[in-house]
């Protein structure tokens, strides 16, 4: 394995997280980056939906550092993208993915430079942030178009870092999201988006998904708290659905985003934004876990969560970032979602 060896103790103190397991009445929560989809527990905290516990929430802006902190027990709960799940299994971390939360619904794009055609991509530079969903998106698009993944020169760039090389003509294609897409398309006539995560096949794959992770010891030692914090996250989602304007304003303050930008990602109808993200409700997520009867959205099969993780693992191997085929089921624990289903918890949220 290559890039993922970066996970380790050196990252643990990067966010100022103190060592030691949190007390049962205090739950330490991390989110990997400032992103509205991860902010529902902050809404739950503000609304007092978890009266028996205090939530101590840290924004890492460092996905790998957050995973390291979770593995070390310095935080108990972590919101980040599901594509890390095969890695935590391969690393032997005491961490599990307990629920899928929201798929990318068209916010992530591949932009092709002017005068570049798929047939001419071999030998050209393409950019994506290594070991991130953009890397998967670029790989899956190239494969769909019949481009051998080994015939392009991969450049490790975040979306903002790719703007300059795209405008200078150094890149043939790049992974991007807003506001960088608009900057490139407006300044570079002929550049165009060739795929985004609103694509029906990509949505059906379930790959481009945010998820909630928990430390296994936290679950074993504080199962009541683990179930409670999971329920509070869904209750926070209900609050957003029923109070979108106030909730988006609260998220903007928490994430330190301009207020209008929140709506550009998560929408203003309490459910989704075409070109942004789609917030799964509890019932939809429970069906992906396979603990509630019924079909999830987007043609995803009931209980598909483990299979999705296996597919991500296959892609990381194809992209040269992992070597081992892992037991995908070892990275998933749907028992907490099952506890809520057994307790009668349900949630079916519709757009306002």
Protein backbone atom coordinates (compact mmCIF):
# COMPACT_ATOMS: atom_id res chain seq x y z
CA UNK A 1 0.00 0.00 0.00
CA UNK A 2 1.21 3.47 -0.80
CA UNK A 3 -0.51 6.71 0.10
CA UNK A 4 -2.45 5.38 3.01
CA UNK A 5 0.66 4.68 5.03
CA UNK A 6 0.36 8.40 5.82
CA UNK A 7 -2.19 7.43 8.43
CA UNK A 8 -0.46 7.34 11.75
CA UNK A 9 0.25 8.82 15.10
CA UNK A 10 1.88 11.93 13.66
CA UNK A 11 -1.48 13.20 12.56
CA UNK A 12 -3.18 12.71 15.88
CA UNK A 13 -2.28 16.02 17.43
CA UNK A 14 -2.83 18.05 14.28
CA UNK A 15 -6.28 19.17 15.36
CA UNK A 16 -5.42 19.73 19.02
CA UNK A 17 -7.26 16.61 20.15
CA UNK A 18 -6.23 15.44 23.59
CA UNK A 19 -5.43 11.80 24.27
CA UNK A 20 -7.74 9.47 26.12
CA UNK A 21 -11.22 8.10 25.70
CA UNK A 22 -14.04 10.56 26.16
CA UNK A 23 -16.20 10.28 29.23
CA UNK A 24 -19.55 8.57 28.66
CA UNK A 25 -21.43 11.86 28.99
CA UNK A 26 -19.17 13.61 26.51
CA UNK A 27 -19.04 12.39 22.93
CA UNK A 28 -16.16 13.62 20.82
CA UNK A 29 -17.13 14.13 17.21
CA UNK A 30 -14.94 14.93 14.22
CA UNK A 31 -15.82 15.97 10.70
CA UNK A 32 -13.17 15.67 8.03
CA UNK A 33 -13.77 18.99 6.24
CA UNK A 34 -16.08 21.99 6.47
CA UNK A 35 -19.09 20.70 4.55
CA UNK A 36 -22.84 21.14 5.12
CA UNK A 37 -23.56 17.42 4.90
CA UNK A 38 -21.52 16.86 8.05
CA UNK A 39 -23.19 19.60 10.09
CA UNK A 40 -26.35 17.83 11.27
CA UNK A 41 -24.86 16.85 14.61
CA UNK A 42 -24.04 20.52 15.22
CA UNK A 43 -27.71 21.33 14.61
CA UNK A 44 -28.62 18.52 17.01
CA UNK A 45 -26.23 19.96 19.60
CA UNK A 46 -27.66 23.45 19.26
CA UNK A 47 -31.23 22.15 19.52
CA UNK A 48 -30.50 20.00 22.58
CA UNK A 49 -31.43 16.72 20.90
CA UNK A 50 -28.92 14.80 23.00
CA UNK A 51 -29.70 15.90 26.55
CA UNK A 52 -27.79 13.10 28.27
CA UNK A 53 -24.53 13.84 26.45
CA UNK A 54 -22.36 16.77 25.44
CA UNK A 55 -21.08 16.89 21.88
CA UNK A 56 -17.54 18.19 21.42
CA UNK A 57 -17.24 18.73 17.65
CA UNK A 58 -13.95 19.30 15.80
CA UNK A 59 -13.57 20.23 12.12
CA UNK A 60 -10.31 18.59 11.00
CA UNK A 61 -9.87 19.92 7.44
CA UNK A 62 -7.65 16.84 7.21
CA UNK A 63 -9.53 13.61 6.39
CA UNK A 64 -6.59 11.29 7.10
CA UNK A 65 -5.76 13.06 10.35
CA UNK A 66 -9.34 12.66 11.49
CA UNK A 67 -9.33 8.96 10.70
CA UNK A 68 -6.14 8.56 12.70
CA UNK A 69 -7.71 10.35 15.66
CA UNK A 70 -10.77 8.10 15.46
CA UNK A 71 -8.63 4.96 15.28
CA UNK A 72 -6.71 6.11 18.36
CA UNK A 73 -9.90 6.75 20.32
CA UNK A 74 -9.25 10.47 20.54
CA UNK A 75 -12.63 11.03 18.97
CA UNK A 76 -15.61 8.68 19.08
CA UNK A 77 -17.58 9.60 15.96
CA UNK A 78 -16.38 10.86 12.58
CA UNK A 79 -18.11 12.14 9.46
CA UNK A 80 -16.20 11.66 6.23
CA UNK A 81 -16.48 10.08 2.79
CA UNK A 82 -17.23 6.37 2.52
CA UNK A 83 -14.29 5.72 0.20
CA UNK A 84 -12.01 5.44 3.25
CA UNK A 85 -13.82 2.37 4.57
CA UNK A 86 -11.64 -0.20 2.74
CA UNK A 87 -8.57 1.57 4.07
CA UNK A 88 -9.58 1.34 7.72
CA UNK A 89 -10.14 -2.39 7.26
CA UNK A 90 -6.80 -2.86 5.51
CA UNK A 91 -5.06 -0.91 8.27
CA UNK A 92 -6.72 -2.97 10.99
CA UNK A 93 -8.23 0.08 12.66
CA UNK A 94 -10.82 -0.32 15.42
CA UNK A 95 -13.24 1.71 13.32
CA UNK A 96 -16.46 0.89 11.47
CA UNK A 97 -18.77 2.67 9.06
CA UNK A 98 -22.16 2.74 10.79
CA UNK A 99 -24.31 4.52 8.18
CA UNK A 100 -24.36 6.11 4.76
CA UNK A 101 -25.50 9.74 5.05
CA UNK A 102 -25.68 11.51 1.71
CA UNK A 103 -24.49 10.92 -1.85
CA UNK A 104 -22.93 13.55 -4.02
CA UNK A 105 -25.79 14.59 -6.32
CA UNK A 106 -23.84 16.28 -9.09
CA UNK A 107 -21.50 18.53 -7.11
CA UNK A 108 -18.36 16.70 -8.32
CA UNK A 109 -17.33 17.03 -11.99
CA UNK A 110 -14.65 16.10 -14.50
CA UNK A 111 -13.77 19.08 -16.72
CA UNK A 112 -12.20 18.54 -20.12
CA UNK A 113 -9.94 21.24 -21.57
CA UNK A 114 -10.76 22.94 -24.90
CA UNK A 115 -9.86 21.06 -28.05
CA UNK A 116 -9.20 17.90 -26.05
CA UNK A 117 -11.12 14.80 -27.05
CA UNK A 118 -11.31 11.47 -25.29
CA UNK A 119 -9.40 9.89 -28.16
CA UNK A 120 -6.44 12.19 -27.53
CA UNK A 121 -6.17 11.73 -23.76
CA UNK A 122 -3.51 9.00 -23.83
CA UNK A 123 -0.19 10.55 -22.84
CA UNK A 124 -1.88 13.66 -21.42
CA UNK A 125 -1.98 14.98 -17.86
CA UNK A 126 -5.16 14.54 -15.83
CA UNK A 127 -5.57 15.81 -12.28
CA UNK A 128 -7.44 14.59 -9.22
CA UNK A 129 -6.68 14.68 -5.50
CA UNK A 130 -5.06 11.35 -4.75
CA UNK A 131 -7.01 9.00 -2.47
CA UNK A 132 -10.15 11.12 -2.63
CA UNK A 133 -13.48 10.69 -4.39
CA UNK A 134 -12.19 12.84 -7.24
CA UNK A 135 -9.59 10.18 -7.91
CA UNK A 136 -12.34 7.56 -8.14
CA UNK A 137 -14.47 9.79 -10.36
CA UNK A 138 -11.62 10.42 -12.80
CA UNK A 139 -10.75 6.71 -12.88
CA UNK A 140 -14.33 5.56 -13.44
CA UNK A 141 -14.88 8.16 -16.19
CA UNK A 142 -11.67 7.22 -18.02
CA UNK A 143 -12.61 3.55 -17.79
CA UNK A 144 -16.11 4.23 -19.10
CA UNK A 145 -14.62 6.08 -22.07
CA UNK A 146 -12.25 3.22 -22.79
CA UNK A 147 -9.08 5.07 -21.77
CA UNK A 148 -6.44 2.82 -20.20
CA UNK A 149 -5.76 4.20 -16.72
CA UNK A 150 -2.03 3.66 -17.20
CA UNK A 151 -1.82 5.71 -20.39
CA UNK A 152 -2.47 9.08 -18.74
CA UNK A 153 -0.16 11.02 -16.44
CA UNK A 154 -1.89 11.43 -13.08
CA UNK A 155 -1.29 14.75 -11.30
CA UNK A 156 -2.23 15.01 -7.62
CA UNK A 157 -4.12 18.30 -7.36
CA UNK A 158 -7.11 19.52 -5.41
CA UNK A 159 -9.84 21.26 -7.38
CA UNK A 160 -8.60 24.77 -6.54
CA UNK A 161 -5.03 23.83 -7.38
CA UNK A 162 -6.08 22.57 -10.82
CA UNK A 163 -7.57 25.89 -11.99
CA UNK A 164 -4.24 27.44 -13.03
CA UNK A 165 -2.96 24.37 -14.92
CA UNK A 166 -6.33 24.01 -16.64
CA UNK A 167 -6.28 27.64 -17.80
CA UNK A 168 -2.65 27.43 -18.95
CA UNK A 169 -3.35 24.30 -20.98
CA UNK A 170 -1.10 22.07 -18.89
CA UNK A 171 -3.95 19.71 -18.00
CA UNK A 172 -6.18 17.83 -20.43
CA UNK A 173 -8.76 17.05 -17.75
CA UNK A 174 -9.29 17.79 -14.09
CA UNK A 175 -11.57 16.93 -11.17
CA UNK A 176 -13.44 20.00 -9.94
CA UNK A 177 -16.38 21.35 -8.00
CA UNK A 178 -17.77 24.82 -7.55
CA UNK A 179 -16.71 27.60 -7.54
CA UNK A 180 -13.71 26.32 -9.53
CA UNK A 181 -15.87 24.84 -12.31
CA UNK A 182 -17.42 28.21 -13.13
CA UNK A 183 -14.03 29.93 -13.06
CA UNK A 184 -12.56 27.48 -15.57
CA UNK A 185 -15.58 27.38 -17.89
CA UNK A 186 -15.94 31.18 -17.98
CA UNK A 187 -12.23 31.87 -18.55
CA UNK A 188 -11.59 29.00 -20.94
CA UNK A 189 -14.13 28.84 -23.80
CA UNK A 190 -14.48 25.31 -25.07
CA UNK A 191 -13.80 23.68 -21.72
CA UNK A 192 -16.75 21.50 -20.68
CA UNK A 193 -18.02 19.17 -18.00
CA UNK A 194 -18.05 15.59 -19.25
CA UNK A 195 -19.47 13.80 -16.21
CA UNK A 196 -20.70 14.58 -12.73
CA UNK A 197 -21.91 12.60 -9.75
CA UNK A 198 -25.53 13.19 -10.69
CA UNK A 199 -24.99 10.57 -13.40
CA UNK A 200 -27.52 7.75 -12.91
CA UNK A 201 -24.94 4.97 -12.99
CA UNK A 202 -22.69 6.74 -10.50
CA UNK A 203 -25.60 7.36 -8.13
CA UNK A 204 -26.57 3.70 -8.40
CA UNK A 205 -23.01 2.68 -7.52
CA UNK A 206 -23.39 4.32 -4.08
CA UNK A 207 -19.68 5.12 -4.15
CA UNK A 208 -19.79 8.91 -3.89
CA UNK A 209 -21.20 8.92 -0.40
CA UNK A 210 -20.61 10.62 2.93
CA UNK A 211 -20.74 8.30 5.92
CA UNK A 212 -20.62 8.17 9.71
CA UNK A 213 -17.79 6.23 11.32
CA UNK A 214 -17.40 5.20 14.96
CA UNK A 215 -14.61 3.79 17.07
CA UNK A 216 -15.38 0.14 17.89
CA UNK A 217 -14.38 0.56 21.54
CA UNK A 218 -16.75 3.50 21.89
CA UNK A 219 -19.57 1.31 20.60
CA UNK A 220 -18.61 -1.60 22.86
CA UNK A 221 -18.20 0.49 26.00
CA UNK A 222 -20.92 3.11 25.41
CA UNK A 223 -23.48 1.50 23.15
CA UNK A 224 -26.31 3.59 24.56
CA UNK A 225 -24.34 6.74 23.71
CA UNK A 226 -23.48 5.40 20.26
CA UNK A 227 -27.15 4.78 19.46
CA UNK A 228 -28.12 8.14 20.95
CA UNK A 229 -25.62 10.14 18.88
CA UNK A 230 -26.68 8.32 15.74
CA UNK A 231 -30.34 9.11 16.48
CA UNK A 232 -29.43 12.74 17.23
CA UNK A 233 -27.83 13.04 13.78
CA UNK A 234 -31.10 11.99 12.13
CA UNK A 235 -33.05 14.29 14.46
CA UNK A 236 -30.76 17.12 13.35
CA UNK A 237 -31.67 16.26 9.77
CA UNK A 238 -35.38 16.51 10.63
CA UNK A 239 -34.76 19.93 12.16
CA UNK A 240 -33.04 21.06 8.94
CA UNK A 241 -35.92 19.70 6.81
CA UNK A 242 -38.47 21.65 8.84
CA UNK A 243 -36.41 24.82 9.44
CA UNK A 244 -34.22 25.16 6.35
CA UNK A 245 -33.57 28.90 6.46
CA UNK A 246 -32.63 28.97 10.14
CA UNK A 247 -30.69 25.71 9.87
CA UNK A 248 -28.70 26.85 6.82
CA UNK A 249 -27.84 30.05 8.67
CA UNK A 250 -26.67 28.07 11.70
CA UNK A 251 -24.57 25.79 9.49
CA UNK A 252 -22.95 28.81 7.81
CA UNK A 253 -21.89 30.17 11.20
CA UNK A 254 -20.59 26.78 12.32
CA UNK A 255 -18.65 26.08 9.11
CA UNK A 256 -17.63 29.73 8.65
CA UNK A 257 -19.09 29.79 5.15
CA UNK A 258 -20.95 32.65 3.47
CA UNK A 259 -24.61 31.99 4.22
CA UNK A 260 -25.67 31.86 0.56
CA UNK A 261 -23.06 29.20 -0.21
CA UNK A 262 -24.75 26.67 2.08
CA UNK A 263 -27.80 26.59 -0.17
CA UNK A 264 -25.60 26.09 -3.23
CA UNK A 265 -24.50 22.75 -1.79
CA UNK A 266 -27.32 21.35 0.30
CA UNK A 267 -30.26 23.24 -1.21
CA UNK A 268 -33.19 25.03 0.33
CA UNK A 269 -36.01 22.47 0.04
CA UNK A 270 -34.98 20.33 3.00
CA UNK A 271 -34.01 17.31 0.94
CA UNK A 272 -31.51 17.81 -1.89
CA UNK A 273 -30.05 20.06 -4.56
CA UNK A 274 -29.59 18.96 -8.16
CA UNK A 275 -25.91 19.71 -8.67
CA UNK A 276 -25.24 19.53 -4.93
CA UNK A 277 -25.91 16.74 -2.44
CA UNK A 278 -28.91 14.53 -1.58
CA UNK A 279 -29.66 14.00 2.11
CA UNK A 280 -30.72 10.43 2.76
CA UNK A 281 -33.38 10.19 5.44
CA UNK A 282 -33.15 7.50 8.10
CA UNK A 283 -35.38 5.05 6.24
CA UNK A 284 -33.32 5.35 3.05
CA UNK A 285 -30.07 4.85 4.91
CA UNK A 286 -31.46 1.93 6.93
CA UNK A 287 -32.46 0.22 3.67
CA UNK A 288 -28.93 0.62 2.34
CA UNK A 289 -27.78 -1.05 5.55
CA UNK A 290 -30.29 -3.84 4.97
CA UNK A 291 -31.99 -3.39 8.36
CA UNK A 292 -35.29 -2.01 7.04
CA UNK A 293 -37.47 -3.41 4.28
CA UNK A 294 -37.91 -1.41 1.10
CA UNK A 295 -35.79 -0.08 -1.71
CA UNK A 296 -33.25 2.73 -1.31
CA UNK A 297 -33.24 5.56 -3.88
CA UNK A 298 -31.35 5.67 -7.20
CA UNK A 299 -31.81 1.97 -7.95
CA UNK A 300 -29.49 0.95 -5.12
CA UNK A 301 -30.33 -2.49 -3.74
CA UNK A 302 -31.45 -3.08 -0.17
CA UNK A 303 -28.39 -4.00 1.89
CA UNK A 304 -25.97 -2.74 -0.76
CA UNK A 305 -23.68 -0.97 1.68
CA UNK A 306 -21.15 -3.79 2.05
CA UNK A 307 -21.08 -4.41 -1.68
CA UNK A 308 -20.40 -0.72 -2.30
CA UNK A 309 -17.39 -0.86 0.01
CA UNK A 310 -16.12 -3.93 -1.87
CA UNK A 311 -16.45 -2.05 -5.17
CA UNK A 312 -14.49 0.91 -3.78
CA UNK A 313 -11.79 -1.52 -2.67
CA UNK A 314 -11.58 -2.90 -6.22
CA UNK A 315 -11.18 0.60 -7.60
CA UNK A 316 -8.45 1.56 -5.11
CA UNK A 317 -6.55 -1.53 -6.24
CA UNK A 318 -7.02 -0.63 -9.92
CA UNK A 319 -5.79 2.89 -9.19
CA UNK A 320 -2.72 1.55 -7.41
CA UNK A 321 -3.52 2.89 -3.96
CA UNK A 322 -4.24 -0.46 -2.30
CA UNK A 323 -2.84 -3.93 -2.82
CA UNK A 324 -5.17 -6.09 -0.75
CA UNK A 325 -8.73 -7.26 -1.24
CA UNK A 326 -10.37 -6.71 2.13
CA UNK A 327 -13.40 -8.23 3.84
CA UNK A 328 -15.81 -5.36 3.20
CA UNK A 329 -18.23 -6.59 5.88
CA UNK A 330 -15.51 -6.01 8.49
CA UNK A 331 -15.71 -2.26 7.80
CA UNK A 332 -19.48 -1.98 8.25
CA UNK A 333 -21.60 -2.19 11.41
CA UNK A 334 -25.30 -1.65 10.77
CA UNK A 335 -26.33 -2.95 14.19
CA UNK A 336 -26.83 0.57 15.58
CA UNK A 337 -29.16 1.45 12.72
CA UNK A 338 -30.84 -1.90 13.41
CA UNK A 339 -31.32 -0.94 17.06
CA UNK A 340 -33.10 2.23 16.03
CA UNK A 341 -35.31 0.32 13.59
CA UNK A 342 -36.14 -2.20 16.32
CA UNK A 343 -37.03 0.68 18.64
CA UNK A 344 -39.51 1.95 16.06
CA UNK A 345 -37.51 4.93 14.82
CA UNK A 346 -38.52 5.98 11.31
CA UNK A 347 -37.92 9.04 9.14
CA UNK A 348 -39.32 9.76 5.68
CA UNK A 349 -38.41 13.32 4.72
CA UNK A 350 -39.80 14.98 1.62
CA UNK A 351 -38.75 18.25 -0.04
CA UNK A 352 -40.64 21.32 1.08
